[in-house]
Amino acid sequence: MKVFRITDHGQKTMFYVATRPQIRKYKLESKEPELIFVEEFEYDYKWQIVVLLNDALQTGMEQDYAPTI
């Protein structure tokens, strides 16, 4: 199974999507598609999802893209 991480450096946001059409839609609707970076992650087991989630948490803290409440 695959998961895609979209990092939009123009809007300073980062989120995950499940399909390529979602990536295309986001890029088409973006004002600055050249600032969008897409990474593909593939997993087969539950422990790999845990690694992805931990990486997402760490990356969000490092880049300060976490939402403010």
Protein backbone atom coordinates (compact mmCIF):
# COMPACT_ATOMS: atom_id res chain seq x y z
CA MET A 1 0.00 0.00 0.00
CA LYS A 2 1.14 3.55 -0.66
CA VAL A 3 0.80 6.87 1.11
CA PHE A 4 1.93 10.22 -0.28
CA ARG A 5 3.21 13.16 1.75
CA ILE A 6 2.65 16.59 0.22
CA THR A 7 4.85 19.40 1.47
CA ASP A 8 3.77 22.81 0.23
CA HIS A 9 6.62 25.21 0.90
CA GLY A 10 4.60 28.16 -0.41
CA GLN A 11 1.82 27.69 2.16
CA LYS A 12 4.09 26.01 4.74
CA THR A 13 1.80 23.01 5.11
CA MET A 14 2.40 19.28 5.11
CA PHE A 15 -0.21 16.53 4.91
CA TYR A 16 -0.76 12.99 3.67
CA VAL A 17 -3.03 11.70 0.89
CA ALA A 18 -3.84 8.20 -0.28
CA THR A 19 -4.13 8.53 -4.06
CA ARG A 20 -2.38 10.17 -7.00
CA PRO A 21 -5.56 11.96 -8.17
CA GLN A 22 -5.59 13.83 -4.85
CA ILE A 23 -2.02 14.96 -5.56
CA ARG A 24 -2.94 16.15 -9.07
CA LYS A 25 -5.97 18.03 -7.78
CA TYR A 26 -3.93 19.78 -5.10
CA LYS A 27 -1.24 20.78 -7.59
CA LEU A 28 -3.79 22.04 -10.13
CA GLU A 29 -5.55 24.16 -7.51
CA SER A 30 -2.30 25.57 -6.13
CA LYS A 31 -1.09 29.04 -7.11
CA GLU A 32 2.55 27.92 -6.92
CA PRO A 33 2.77 24.22 -7.92
CA GLU A 34 6.57 24.43 -8.29
CA LEU A 35 6.83 24.79 -4.48
CA ILE A 36 4.99 21.51 -3.85
CA PHE A 37 7.13 18.48 -3.02
CA VAL A 38 5.60 14.98 -3.03
CA GLU A 39 7.13 11.93 -1.34
CA GLU A 40 5.86 8.39 -1.79
CA PHE A 41 5.93 5.90 1.07
CA GLU A 42 5.14 2.24 0.67
CA TYR A 43 4.18 -0.06 3.51
CA ASP A 44 3.05 -3.63 4.01
CA TYR A 45 2.96 -4.03 7.78
CA LYS A 46 1.53 -2.14 10.73
CA TRP A 47 4.96 -1.38 12.22
CA GLN A 48 5.88 0.48 9.01
CA ILE A 49 2.88 2.78 9.49
CA VAL A 50 4.08 3.50 13.02
CA VAL A 51 7.49 4.48 11.63
CA LEU A 52 5.78 6.79 9.10
CA LEU A 53 3.69 8.42 11.80
CA ASN A 54 6.68 8.96 14.06
CA ASP A 55 8.61 10.46 11.14
CA ALA A 56 5.67 12.76 10.36
CA LEU A 57 5.54 13.95 13.95
CA GLN A 58 9.28 14.59 14.08
CA THR A 59 9.31 16.36 10.71
CA GLY A 60 6.40 18.57 11.73
CA MET A 61 8.15 19.61 14.91
CA GLU A 62 11.39 20.37 13.05
CA GLN A 63 9.72 22.44 10.33
CA ASP A 64 7.17 24.06 12.64
CA TYR A 65 4.35 23.27 10.20
CA ALA A 66 2.23 22.02 13.05
CA PRO A 67 -1.14 23.75 13.35
CA THR A 68 -1.45 26.31 16.12
CA ILE A 69 -4.39 26.00 18.47
